[in-house]
Amino acid sequence: MTDLRDLSEQTGDERVDTALRGLAVLGDVPVAAHVGVFEEVLAGLEDALASADDAQGGSR
């Protein structure tokens, strides 16, 4: 199993990397809290995607 606290591989986009680092807490929180963690990570990834679209002048 991958140790999510060691996400040394990076995507090259700091916003995405920051969002993905949120997964590191999964091993430290109860399973019941995992949905909240996933929602926070997803929100960060969606923000990064929206920012990329805005920077390129595109729309979602």
N, C-alpha and C. Protein backbone atom coordinates (compact mmCIF):
# COMPACT_ATOMS: atom_id res chain seq x y z
N MET A 1 0.83 -1.18 0.00
CA MET A 1 0.00 0.00 0.00
C MET A 1 0.88 1.24 0.00
N THR A 2 0.49 2.24 -0.74
CA THR A 2 1.25 3.48 -0.83
C THR A 2 1.10 4.29 0.45
N ASP A 3 2.22 4.77 0.96
CA ASP A 3 2.19 5.65 2.12
C ASP A 3 1.89 7.05 1.61
N LEU A 4 0.69 7.53 1.89
CA LEU A 4 0.25 8.81 1.36
C LEU A 4 0.96 9.99 2.01
N ARG A 5 1.72 9.74 3.07
CA ARG A 5 2.49 10.83 3.67
C ARG A 5 3.75 11.10 2.88
N ASP A 6 4.10 10.21 1.96
CA ASP A 6 5.31 10.38 1.16
C ASP A 6 4.91 10.49 -0.31
N LEU A 7 4.29 11.59 -0.65
CA LEU A 7 3.91 11.83 -2.04
C LEU A 7 5.00 12.66 -2.70
N SER A 8 6.16 12.05 -2.88
CA SER A 8 7.31 12.78 -3.39
C SER A 8 7.18 13.08 -4.88
N GLU A 9 6.40 12.30 -5.61
CA GLU A 9 6.21 12.58 -7.02
C GLU A 9 5.27 13.77 -7.15
N GLN A 10 5.70 14.75 -7.92
CA GLN A 10 4.91 15.96 -8.05
C GLN A 10 4.37 16.09 -9.46
N THR A 11 3.31 16.85 -9.59
CA THR A 11 2.66 17.02 -10.88
C THR A 11 3.25 18.16 -11.70
N GLY A 12 3.95 19.07 -11.02
CA GLY A 12 4.45 20.25 -11.70
C GLY A 12 3.54 21.45 -11.55
N ASP A 13 2.37 21.24 -10.98
CA ASP A 13 1.44 22.34 -10.71
C ASP A 13 1.28 22.43 -9.20
N GLU A 14 1.75 23.50 -8.61
CA GLU A 14 1.73 23.64 -7.15
C GLU A 14 0.33 23.53 -6.57
N ARG A 15 -0.67 24.03 -7.29
CA ARG A 15 -2.06 23.95 -6.79
C ARG A 15 -2.51 22.50 -6.70
N VAL A 16 -2.17 21.70 -7.69
CA VAL A 16 -2.54 20.28 -7.69
C VAL A 16 -1.75 19.55 -6.60
N ASP A 17 -0.46 19.83 -6.52
CA ASP A 17 0.37 19.17 -5.50
C ASP A 17 -0.13 19.49 -4.10
N THR A 18 -0.51 20.73 -3.86
CA THR A 18 -1.03 21.13 -2.55
C THR A 18 -2.31 20.38 -2.24
N ALA A 19 -3.21 20.29 -3.20
CA ALA A 19 -4.47 19.57 -2.99
C ALA A 19 -4.20 18.10 -2.69
N LEU A 20 -3.32 17.48 -3.45
CA LEU A 20 -3.04 16.05 -3.26
C LEU A 20 -2.36 15.76 -1.92
N ARG A 21 -1.60 16.73 -1.42
CA ARG A 21 -0.96 16.53 -0.11
C ARG A 21 -2.01 16.37 0.99
N GLY A 22 -3.22 16.83 0.74
CA GLY A 22 -4.30 16.65 1.70
C GLY A 22 -4.61 15.19 1.95
N LEU A 23 -4.27 14.32 1.01
CA LEU A 23 -4.52 12.89 1.18
C LEU A 23 -3.64 12.28 2.27
N ALA A 24 -2.58 12.96 2.64
CA ALA A 24 -1.64 12.42 3.62
C ALA A 24 -2.28 12.17 4.98
N VAL A 25 -3.37 12.85 5.28
CA VAL A 25 -4.00 12.69 6.60
C VAL A 25 -4.88 11.45 6.69
N LEU A 26 -5.13 10.78 5.58
CA LEU A 26 -6.07 9.65 5.60
C LEU A 26 -5.70 8.58 6.62
N GLY A 27 -4.43 8.32 6.79
CA GLY A 27 -4.01 7.30 7.75
C GLY A 27 -4.16 7.72 9.19
N ASP A 28 -4.37 9.01 9.41
CA ASP A 28 -4.44 9.54 10.77
C ASP A 28 -5.86 9.88 11.22
N VAL A 29 -6.82 9.76 10.34
CA VAL A 29 -8.20 10.10 10.70
C VAL A 29 -9.07 8.85 10.57
N PRO A 30 -10.16 8.81 11.32
CA PRO A 30 -11.06 7.66 11.22
C PRO A 30 -11.66 7.55 9.81
N VAL A 31 -12.00 6.34 9.44
CA VAL A 31 -12.59 6.11 8.11
C VAL A 31 -13.81 7.00 7.89
N ALA A 32 -14.57 7.23 8.93
CA ALA A 32 -15.76 8.08 8.81
C ALA A 32 -15.42 9.50 8.36
N ALA A 33 -14.19 9.93 8.58
CA ALA A 33 -13.77 11.28 8.18
C ALA A 33 -13.17 11.32 6.78
N HIS A 34 -12.98 10.18 6.14
CA HIS A 34 -12.35 10.14 4.83
C HIS A 34 -13.14 10.90 3.77
N VAL A 35 -14.46 10.81 3.83
CA VAL A 35 -15.27 11.52 2.83
C VAL A 35 -14.96 13.01 2.88
N GLY A 36 -14.87 13.57 4.06
CA GLY A 36 -14.54 14.99 4.20
C GLY A 36 -13.19 15.33 3.61
N VAL A 37 -12.22 14.45 3.83
CA VAL A 37 -10.88 14.66 3.27
C VAL A 37 -10.95 14.63 1.75
N PHE A 38 -11.65 13.63 1.20
CA PHE A 38 -11.78 13.54 -0.25
C PHE A 38 -12.47 14.76 -0.83
N GLU A 39 -13.49 15.27 -0.13
CA GLU A 39 -14.20 16.46 -0.60
C GLU A 39 -13.28 17.67 -0.63
N GLU A 40 -12.43 17.82 0.39
CA GLU A 40 -11.49 18.93 0.42
C GLU A 40 -10.47 18.82 -0.72
N VAL A 41 -9.96 17.61 -0.93
CA VAL A 41 -8.99 17.41 -2.01
C VAL A 41 -9.65 17.68 -3.36
N LEU A 42 -10.86 17.18 -3.55
CA LEU A 42 -11.58 17.41 -4.80
C LEU A 42 -11.80 18.89 -5.03
N ALA A 43 -12.18 19.62 -3.99
CA ALA A 43 -12.40 21.06 -4.13
C ALA A 43 -11.10 21.76 -4.55
N GLY A 44 -9.98 21.35 -3.97
CA GLY A 44 -8.70 21.93 -4.36
C GLY A 44 -8.34 21.62 -5.80
N LEU A 45 -8.62 20.40 -6.24
CA LEU A 45 -8.35 20.03 -7.63
C LEU A 45 -9.27 20.78 -8.59
N GLU A 46 -10.53 20.94 -8.21
CA GLU A 46 -11.46 21.70 -9.05
C GLU A 46 -11.03 23.16 -9.16
N ASP A 47 -10.56 23.74 -8.06
CA ASP A 47 -10.06 25.12 -8.09
C ASP A 47 -8.86 25.24 -9.01
N ALA A 48 -7.96 24.27 -8.94
CA ALA A 48 -6.77 24.28 -9.80
C ALA A 48 -7.18 24.17 -11.26
N LEU A 49 -8.15 23.33 -11.55
CA LEU A 49 -8.62 23.16 -12.92
C LEU A 49 -9.29 24.44 -13.42
N ALA A 50 -10.11 25.05 -12.58
CA ALA A 50 -10.78 26.29 -12.96
C ALA A 50 -9.76 27.40 -13.21
N SER A 51 -8.73 27.45 -12.38
CA SER A 51 -7.68 28.46 -12.56
C SER A 51 -6.93 28.24 -13.87
N ALA A 52 -6.70 26.98 -14.21
CA ALA A 52 -6.02 26.67 -15.46
C ALA A 52 -6.88 27.08 -16.64
N ASP A 53 -8.18 26.82 -16.55
CA ASP A 53 -9.10 27.23 -17.61
C ASP A 53 -9.11 28.74 -17.75
N ASP A 54 -9.16 29.46 -16.62
CA ASP A 54 -9.18 30.92 -16.65
C ASP A 54 -7.90 31.47 -17.26
N ALA A 55 -6.78 30.87 -16.92
CA ALA A 55 -5.49 31.33 -17.43
C ALA A 55 -5.39 31.15 -18.94
N GLN A 56 -6.08 30.13 -19.47
CA GLN A 56 -6.04 29.87 -20.90
C GLN A 56 -7.20 30.51 -21.64
N GLY A 57 -8.07 31.20 -20.89
CA GLY A 57 -9.20 31.86 -21.53
C GLY A 57 -10.32 30.91 -21.90
N GLY A 58 -10.29 29.70 -21.37
CA GLY A 58 -11.33 28.71 -21.68
C GLY A 58 -12.42 28.73 -20.66
N SER A 59 -13.38 27.86 -20.88
CA SER A 59 -14.46 27.72 -19.92
C SER A 59 -14.65 26.25 -19.63
N ARG A 60 -15.28 25.98 -18.49
CA ARG A 60 -15.52 24.60 -18.10
C ARG A 60 -16.75 24.06 -18.73
